[in-house]
C-alpha atoms as a PDB file:
ATOM      1  CA  MET A   1       4.285  -2.210  -6.031  1.00  0.00           C
ATOM      2  CA  ASN A   2       3.167   0.331  -3.329  1.00  0.00           C
ATOM      3  CA  ALA A   3       1.625   3.772  -4.204  1.00  0.00           C
ATOM      4  CA  LEU A   4       4.992   5.555  -3.965  1.00  0.00           C
ATOM      5  CA  ASP A   5       6.728   3.017  -6.216  1.00  0.00           C
ATOM      6  CA  ALA A   6       3.865   3.254  -8.658  1.00  0.00           C
ATOM      7  CA  HIS A   7       4.156   7.029  -8.969  1.00  0.00           C
ATOM      8  CA  LEU A   8       7.930   6.978  -9.257  1.00  0.00           C
ATOM      9  CA  TYR A   9       7.429   4.446 -12.083  1.00  0.00           C
ATOM     10  CA  GLU A  10       5.043   6.751 -13.835  1.00  0.00           C
ATOM     11  CA  ILE A  11       7.332   9.756 -13.295  1.00  0.00           C
ATOM     12  CA  SER A  12      10.338   7.988 -14.787  1.00  0.00           C
ATOM     13  CA  LYS A  13       8.301   6.692 -17.820  1.00  0.00           C
ATOM     14  CA  GLY A  14       7.023  10.138 -18.429  1.00  0.00           C
ATOM     15  CA  VAL A  15      10.571  11.709 -18.297  1.00  0.00           C
ATOM     16  CA  LYS A  16      11.965   8.952 -20.580  1.00  0.00           C
ATOM     17  CA  PHE A  17       9.416   9.544 -23.293  1.00  0.00           C
ATOM     18  CA  GLY A  18       9.523  13.436 -23.051  1.00  0.00           C
ATOM     19  CA  GLU A  19       6.059  13.827 -21.545  1.00  0.00           C
ATOM     20  CA  LEU A  20       7.365  15.182 -18.234  1.00  0.00           C
ATOM     21  CA  ASN A  21      10.320  17.234 -17.009  1.00  0.00           C
ATOM     22  CA  VAL A  22      11.947  16.467 -13.693  1.00  0.00           C
ATOM     23  CA  PRO A  23      12.549  20.211 -12.606  1.00  0.00           C
ATOM     24  CA  ASP A  24       8.956  21.077 -13.311  1.00  0.00           C
ATOM     25  CA  LEU A  25       7.760  18.004 -11.488  1.00  0.00           C
ATOM     26  CA  GLY A  26       9.993  18.989  -8.558  1.00  0.00           C
ATOM     27  CA  GLN A  27       7.917  22.093  -8.015  1.00  0.00           C
ATOM     28  CA  ILE A  28       4.768  20.176  -7.198  1.00  0.00           C
ATOM     29  CA  VAL A  29       6.038  16.986  -5.495  1.00  0.00           C
ATOM     30  CA  PRO A  30       5.958  17.412  -1.764  1.00  0.00           C
ATOM     31  CA  ALA A  31       9.075  15.260  -1.238  1.00  0.00           C
ATOM     32  CA  ALA A  32      12.803  15.277  -2.183  1.00  0.00           C
ATOM     33  CA  LEU A  33      12.942  14.548  -5.914  1.00  0.00           C
ATOM     34  CA  MET A  34      16.392  13.859  -7.333  1.00  0.00           C
ATOM     35  CA  MET A  35      18.346  12.802 -10.354  1.00  0.00           C
ATOM     36  CA  GLN A  36      21.568  10.907  -9.629  1.00  0.00           C
ATOM     37  CA  GLU A  37      24.270  10.052 -12.172  1.00  0.00           C
ATOM     38  CA  THR A  38      25.746   6.553 -12.083  1.00  0.00           C
ATOM     39  CA  SER A  39      29.163   5.117 -12.976  1.00  0.00           C
ATOM     40  CA  ASN A  40      30.325   1.455 -12.585  1.00  0.00           C
ATOM     41  CA  ASN A  41      26.770   0.553 -11.312  1.00  0.00           C
ATOM     42  CA  GLU A  42      26.757   2.981  -8.470  1.00  0.00           C
ATOM     43  CA  PRO A  43      25.595   6.625  -7.950  1.00  0.00           C
ATOM     44  CA  VAL A  44      28.420   9.096  -8.092  1.00  0.00           C
ATOM     45  CA  GLU A  45      26.662  12.501  -7.674  1.00  0.00           C
ATOM     46  CA  CYS A  46      23.328  14.183  -7.387  1.00  0.00           C
ATOM     47  CA  SER A  47      22.844  16.251 -10.577  1.00  0.00           C
ATOM     48  CA  TYR A  48      19.434  17.728  -9.549  1.00  0.00           C
ATOM     49  CA  MET A  49      17.431  18.138  -6.376  1.00  0.00           C
ATOM     50  CA  ASN A  50      14.135  19.971  -6.085  1.00  0.00           C
ATOM     51  CA  ASN A  51      13.613  22.933  -3.619  1.00  0.00           C
ATOM     52  CA  TRP A  52      11.733  20.672  -1.129  1.00  0.00           C
ATOM     53  CA  GLY A  53      14.933  18.535  -0.882  1.00  0.00           C
ATOM     54  CA  THR A  54      17.393  21.374  -0.757  1.00  0.00           C
ATOM     55  CA  ASN A  55      15.296  23.186   1.901  1.00  0.00           C
ATOM     56  CA  PHE A  56      15.290  20.084   4.012  1.00  0.00           C
ATOM     57  CA  LEU A  57      19.045  19.837   3.817  1.00  0.00           C
ATOM     58  CA  GLY A  58      19.494  23.673   4.253  1.00  0.00           C
ATOM     59  CA  VAL A  59      21.511  24.101   1.086  1.00  0.00           C
ATOM     60  CA  CYS A  60      20.948  25.672  -2.367  1.00  0.00           C
ATOM     61  CA  PRO A  61      20.746  23.543  -5.563  1.00  0.00           C
ATOM     62  CA  GLU A  62      24.162  24.741  -6.772  1.00  0.00           C
ATOM     63  CA  GLU A  63      25.853  23.440  -3.625  1.00  0.00           C
ATOM     64  CA  ILE A  64      24.372  19.974  -4.220  1.00  0.00           C
ATOM     65  CA  VAL A  65      25.879  19.858  -7.726  1.00  0.00           C
ATOM     66  CA  GLU A  66      29.195  21.214  -6.613  1.00  0.00           C
ATOM     67  CA  LEU A  67      29.594  18.625  -3.835  1.00  0.00           C
ATOM     68  CA  GLY A  68      29.820  15.828  -6.355  1.00  0.00           C
ATOM     69  CA  PRO A  69      30.485  12.498  -4.576  1.00  0.00           C
ATOM     70  CA  LEU A  70      30.986  14.385  -1.227  1.00  0.00           C
ATOM     71  CA  TYR A  71      27.203  14.778  -1.240  1.00  0.00           C
ATOM     72  CA  TYR A  72      26.796  11.233   0.059  1.00  0.00           C
ATOM     73  CA  GLU A  73      29.291  11.763   2.865  1.00  0.00           C
ATOM     74  CA  LYS A  74      27.896  15.128   4.051  1.00  0.00           C
ATOM     75  CA  PHE A  75      24.230  14.337   4.568  1.00  0.00           C
ATOM     76  CA  PHE A  76      24.205  10.596   5.338  1.00  0.00           C
ATOM     77  CA  ILE A  77      25.732   8.074   7.839  1.00  0.00           C
ATOM     78  CA  LYS A  78      28.830   6.620   6.134  1.00  0.00           C
ATOM     79  CA  GLU A  79      28.192   2.990   7.136  1.00  0.00           C
ATOM     80  CA  GLU A  80      24.577   3.092   5.988  1.00  0.00           C
ATOM     81  CA  ILE A  81      25.562   4.599   2.606  1.00  0.00           C
ATOM     82  CA  HIS A  82      28.000   1.819   1.932  1.00  0.00           C
ATOM     83  CA  SER A  83      25.314  -0.741   2.674  1.00  0.00           C
ATOM     84  CA  PHE A  84      22.804   1.027   0.423  1.00  0.00           C
ATOM     85  CA  PHE A  85      25.393   1.384  -2.401  1.00  0.00           C
ATOM     86  CA  GLY A  86      25.880  -2.444  -2.296  1.00  0.00           C
ATOM     87  CA  GLY A  87      22.116  -2.971  -2.985  1.00  0.00           C
ATOM     88  CA  LEU A  88      21.979  -0.231  -5.438  1.00  0.00           C
ATOM     89  CA  GLN A  89      24.965  -1.751  -7.364  1.00  0.00           C
ATOM     90  CA  GLN A  90      23.098  -5.074  -7.737  1.00  0.00           C
ATOM     91  CA  TYR A  91      19.872  -3.255  -8.654  1.00  0.00           C
ATOM     92  CA  ILE A  92      21.577  -1.278 -11.403  1.00  0.00           C
ATOM     93  CA  LYS A  93      23.568  -4.250 -12.630  1.00  0.00           C
ATOM     94  CA  ASN A  94      20.404  -6.379 -12.945  1.00  0.00           C
ATOM     95  CA  ALA A  95      18.822  -3.465 -14.898  1.00  0.00           C
ATOM     96  CA  GLU A  96      15.366  -4.539 -14.210  1.00  0.00           C
ATOM     97  CA  PHE A  97      13.592  -1.381 -15.413  1.00  0.00           C
ATOM     98  CA  ASP A  98      10.087  -2.374 -14.205  1.00  0.00           C
ATOM     99  CA  LYS A  99      11.282  -2.535 -10.591  1.00  0.00           C
ATOM    100  CA  THR A 100      12.314  -0.005  -7.900  1.00  0.00           C
ATOM    101  CA  TYR A 101      14.951  -0.134  -5.186  1.00  0.00           C
ATOM    102  CA  ASN A 102      13.618   0.864  -1.740  1.00  0.00           C
ATOM    103  CA  PHE A 103      15.348   1.470   1.540  1.00  0.00           C
ATOM    104  CA  PHE A 104      15.174   3.422   4.833  1.00  0.00           C
ATOM    105  CA  GLN A 105      17.969   5.943   5.604  1.00  0.00           C
ATOM    106  CA  ARG A 106      18.882   8.570   8.098  1.00  0.00           C
ATOM    107  CA  VAL A 107      19.311  12.018   6.631  1.00  0.00           C
ATOM    108  CA  LYS A 108      20.826  15.012   8.334  1.00  0.00           C
ATOM    109  CA  HIS A 109      18.189  17.767   8.737  1.00  0.00           C
ATOM    110  CA  TYR A 110      19.324  21.380   8.558  1.00  0.00           C
ATOM    111  CA  SER A 111      17.485  22.791  11.542  1.00  0.00           C
ATOM    112  CA  SER A 112      19.200  20.763  14.342  1.00  0.00           C
ATOM    113  CA  GLN A 113      21.801  18.656  12.394  1.00  0.00           C
ATOM    114  CA  SER A 114      19.746  15.626  13.786  1.00  0.00           C
ATOM    115  CA  MET A 115      19.322  12.594  11.647  1.00  0.00           C
ATOM    116  CA  ILE A 116      15.685  11.944  10.401  1.00  0.00           C
ATOM    117  CA  TRP A 117      14.552   8.619   9.192  1.00  0.00           C
ATOM    118  CA  CYS A 118      13.459   8.756   5.607  1.00  0.00           C
ATOM    119  CA  PHE A 119      11.951   6.270   3.107  1.00  0.00           C
ATOM    120  CA  THR A 120      13.658   6.416  -0.279  1.00  0.00           C
ATOM    121  CA  THR A 121      12.669   4.781  -3.602  1.00  0.00           C
ATOM    122  CA  CYS A 122      14.774   4.731  -6.675  1.00  0.00           C
ATOM    123  CA  LYS A 123      14.204   3.822 -10.273  1.00  0.00           C
ATOM    124  CA  ILE A 124      16.653   3.314 -13.182  1.00  0.00           C
ATOM    125  CA  LEU A 125      16.023   5.799 -15.969  1.00  0.00           C
ATOM    126  CA  GLU A 126      17.740   4.832 -19.240  1.00  0.00           C
ATOM    127  CA  ILE A 127      18.400   7.854 -21.577  1.00  0.00           C
ATOM    128  CA  GLU A 128      20.547   7.489 -24.594  1.00  0.00           C
ATOM    129  CA  SER A 129      22.137   4.213 -23.294  1.00  0.00           C
ATOM    130  CA  THR A 130      23.178   5.826 -20.047  1.00  0.00           C
ATOM    131  CA  ASN A 131      21.687   4.814 -16.751  1.00  0.00           C
ATOM    132  CA  ASN A 132      20.587   7.593 -14.153  1.00  0.00           C
ATOM    133  CA  LEU A 133      18.456   7.199 -11.056  1.00  0.00           C
ATOM    134  CA  VAL A 134      15.294   9.034 -10.331  1.00  0.00           C
ATOM    135  CA  VAL A 135      15.002   9.168  -6.510  1.00  0.00           C
ATOM    136  CA  LEU A 136      12.005  10.063  -4.331  1.00  0.00           C
ATOM    137  CA  SER A 137      12.580  10.446  -0.582  1.00  0.00           C
ATOM    138  CA  THR A 138      10.398  11.580   2.328  1.00  0.00           C
ATOM    139  CA  PRO A 139      10.532  11.507   6.109  1.00  0.00           C
ATOM    140  CA  ILE A 140       8.750   8.477   7.486  1.00  0.00           C
ATOM    141  CA  ASP A 141       6.363  10.711   9.464  1.00  0.00           C
ATOM    142  CA  GLY A 142       5.301  12.328   6.237  1.00  0.00           C
ATOM    143  CA  MET A 143       4.705   9.317   4.095  1.00  0.00           C
ATOM    144  CA  ASP A 144       0.870   9.156   4.495  1.00  0.00           C
ATOM    145  CA  TYR A 145       0.669  12.832   3.561  1.00  0.00           C
ATOM    146  CA  LEU A 146       3.016  12.367   0.614  1.00  0.00           C
ATOM    147  CA  ILE A 147       1.071   9.443  -0.807  1.00  0.00           C
ATOM    148  CA  LYS A 148      -2.151  11.515  -0.577  1.00  0.00           C
ATOM    149  CA  ARG A 149      -0.571  14.458  -2.316  1.00  0.00           C
ATOM    150  CA  VAL A 150       1.035  12.395  -4.926  1.00  0.00           C
ATOM    151  CA  ASN A 151      -2.234  10.604  -5.577  1.00  0.00           C
ATOM    152  CA  LYS A 152      -3.834  14.024  -5.985  1.00  0.00           C
ATOM    153  CA  THR A 153      -1.174  15.760  -8.178  1.00  0.00           C
ATOM    154  CA  LEU A 154       0.840  13.074  -9.959  1.00  0.00           C
ATOM    155  CA  ASP A 155      -1.949  10.578 -10.831  1.00  0.00           C
ATOM    156  CA  LEU A 156      -1.063  11.241 -14.397  1.00  0.00           C
ATOM    157  CA  ASP A 157      -4.744  11.067 -15.400  1.00  0.00           C
ATOM    158  CA  GLU A 158      -6.122  12.416 -18.636  1.00  0.00           C
ATOM    159  CA  TYR A 159      -6.460  16.003 -17.418  1.00  0.00           C
ATOM    160  CA  LEU A 160      -2.845  16.222 -16.089  1.00  0.00           C
ATOM    161  CA  ARG A 161      -1.425  14.726 -19.089  1.00  0.00           C
ATOM    162  CA  ALA A 162      -3.367  17.096 -21.381  1.00  0.00           C
ATOM    163  CA  ASN A 163      -2.317  20.130 -19.362  1.00  0.00           C
ATOM    164  CA  TYR A 164       1.242  19.376 -18.125  1.00  0.00           C
ATOM    165  CA  LYS A 165       2.979  21.101 -21.035  1.00  0.00           C
ATOM    166  CA  LYS A 166       0.903  24.232 -20.401  1.00  0.00           C
ATOM    167  CA  PHE A 167       2.038  24.178 -16.770  1.00  0.00           C
ATOM    168  CA  ALA A 168       5.691  23.761 -17.807  1.00  0.00           C
ATOM    169  CA  GLN A 169       5.477  26.827 -20.154  1.00  0.00           C
ATOM    170  CA  LEU A 170       4.196  29.222 -17.415  1.00  0.00           C
ATOM    171  CA  THR A 171       6.777  31.611 -15.919  1.00  0.00           C
ATOM    172  CA  ASN A 172       7.250  31.801 -12.143  1.00  0.00           C
ATOM    173  CA  ARG A 173       5.489  35.213 -12.137  1.00  0.00           C
ATOM    174  CA  GLU A 174       2.411  33.612 -13.981  1.00  0.00           C
ATOM    175  CA  LYS A 175       2.362  30.780 -11.459  1.00  0.00           C
ATOM    176  CA  GLU A 176       2.513  33.389  -8.705  1.00  0.00           C
ATOM    177  CA  ILE A 177      -0.447  35.193 -10.165  1.00  0.00           C
ATOM    178  CA  ILE A 178      -2.533  32.019 -10.686  1.00  0.00           C
ATOM    179  CA  ARG A 179      -2.013  31.304  -7.000  1.00  0.00           C
ATOM    180  CA  LEU A 180      -3.250  34.678  -5.996  1.00  0.00           C
ATOM    181  CA  LEU A 181      -6.202  34.451  -8.380  1.00  0.00           C
ATOM    182  CA  SER A 182      -7.174  31.048  -7.045  1.00  0.00           C
ATOM    183  CA  ASN A 183      -7.177  32.548  -3.540  1.00  0.00           C
ATOM    184  CA  GLY A 184      -9.691  35.129  -4.599  1.00  0.00           C
ATOM    185  CA  LEU A 185      -7.523  38.170  -4.950  1.00  0.00           C
ATOM    186  CA  SER A 186      -8.685  40.856  -7.397  1.00  0.00           C
ATOM    187  CA  THR A 187      -6.470  42.650  -9.966  1.00  0.00           C
ATOM    188  CA  PRO A 188      -5.865  45.734  -7.727  1.00  0.00           C
ATOM    189  CA  GLU A 189      -5.133  43.471  -4.713  1.00  0.00           C
ATOM    190  CA  ILE A 190      -2.526  41.471  -6.789  1.00  0.00           C
ATOM    191  CA  SER A 191      -1.105  44.755  -8.126  1.00  0.00           C
ATOM    192  CA  ASP A 192      -0.536  46.002  -4.506  1.00  0.00           C
ATOM    193  CA  GLN A 193       0.819  42.734  -3.261  1.00  0.00           C
ATOM    194  CA  LEU A 194       3.318  42.246  -6.087  1.00  0.00           C
ATOM    195  CA  PHE A 195       4.167  45.967  -6.479  1.00  0.00           C
ATOM    196  CA  ILE A 196       3.326  46.008 -10.181  1.00  0.00           C
ATOM    197  CA  SER A 197       0.743  48.011 -12.043  1.00  0.00           C
ATOM    198  CA  SER A 198      -2.842  46.852 -12.588  1.00  0.00           C
ATOM    199  CA  HIS A 199      -2.162  46.970 -16.304  1.00  0.00           C
ATOM    200  CA  THR A 200       0.669  44.480 -15.841  1.00  0.00           C
ATOM    201  CA  VAL A 201      -1.504  42.208 -13.817  1.00  0.00           C
ATOM    202  CA  ALA A 202      -4.271  42.377 -16.465  1.00  0.00           C
ATOM    203  CA  THR A 203      -1.604  41.557 -19.178  1.00  0.00           C
ATOM    204  CA  HIS A 204      -0.397  38.519 -17.125  1.00  0.00           C
ATOM    205  CA  ARG A 205      -4.010  37.323 -16.653  1.00  0.00           C
ATOM    206  CA  LYS A 206      -4.634  37.509 -20.422  1.00  0.00           C
ATOM    207  CA  ASN A 207      -1.429  35.594 -21.124  1.00  0.00           C
ATOM    208  CA  ILE A 208      -2.235  33.018 -18.492  1.00  0.00           C
ATOM    209  CA  CYS A 209      -5.791  32.394 -19.886  1.00  0.00           C
ATOM    210  CA  LYS A 210      -4.315  32.005 -23.374  1.00  0.00           C
ATOM    211  CA  LYS A 211      -1.631  29.603 -22.271  1.00  0.00           C
ATOM    212  CA  ILE A 212      -3.765  27.314 -20.224  1.00  0.00           C
ATOM    213  CA  GLU A 213      -6.834  27.865 -22.533  1.00  0.00           C
ATOM    214  CA  SER A 214      -8.989  28.898 -19.572  1.00  0.00           C
ATOM    215  CA  ARG A 215     -12.345  30.363 -20.286  1.00  0.00           C
ATOM    216  CA  SER A 216     -13.739  30.631 -16.745  1.00  0.00           C
ATOM    217  CA  PHE A 217     -12.552  30.959 -13.173  1.00  0.00           C
ATOM    218  CA  ALA A 218     -13.638  27.432 -12.583  1.00  0.00           C
ATOM    219  CA  GLU A 219     -11.248  26.142 -15.257  1.00  0.00           C
ATOM    220  CA  LEU A 220      -8.463  28.190 -13.806  1.00  0.00           C
ATOM    221  CA  LEU A 221      -9.154  26.979 -10.305  1.00  0.00           C
ATOM    222  CA  LYS A 222      -9.107  23.308 -11.475  1.00  0.00           C
ATOM    223  CA  PHE A 223      -5.804  23.905 -13.241  1.00  0.00           C
ATOM    224  CA  ALA A 224      -4.456  25.618 -10.063  1.00  0.00           C
ATOM    225  CA  VAL A 225      -5.494  22.758  -7.743  1.00  0.00           C
ATOM    226  CA  THR A 226      -4.156  20.042 -10.071  1.00  0.00           C
ATOM    227  CA  PHE A 227      -0.711  21.658 -10.227  1.00  0.00           C
ATOM    228  CA  ASP A 228      -0.675  22.773  -6.553  1.00  0.00           C
ATOM    229  CA  LEU A 229      -0.970  26.474  -7.299  1.00  0.00           C
ATOM    230  CA  THR A 230      -3.482  27.230  -4.624  1.00  0.00           C
END
């Protein structure tokens, strides 16, 4: 099992047992992270894609869901998709939950409508007797970077497990303020940049420290680095 497979296995296990949430993970994974629904042992639609993936395709998340089965025709090469579906059908049919299904595919990139080679790894996620696929995909050129980043932010070590739910409870504004704080901005500077009062910033800081149980800047910085809020 390679590094990418190992982390996808940990992600799917964490989601299955309620320790992790795919949309929250999607904010910190530097690759396309997806959930795909299945029927008759093959994927039928993409029910979730993180911002990294939708930005790569040049669409909004709602468009991905609305496309339904047309998602597979719009962004991939038809002949390749049929081949991948054959392999996925066998993988899902075998239901070997300790394994992943990996393949290379060409994906349409928004900037030039050119096809970019990507490495994709999938894992069955069984929830309430239904099978879904957790899918992680990245351009081949970015695989080394992805693995380093995943090793850093999704190693699921003791610290991340202990603090993940704290991260999930933060609002987008609180995450934004943590990012600015970790980059050395003061309360007045954050106030000016976000066009909010210093009092509001101070209130956010107080709430952040309470939520993540931070008693020092060093603890806040460690939290920010772990969850890619720097």
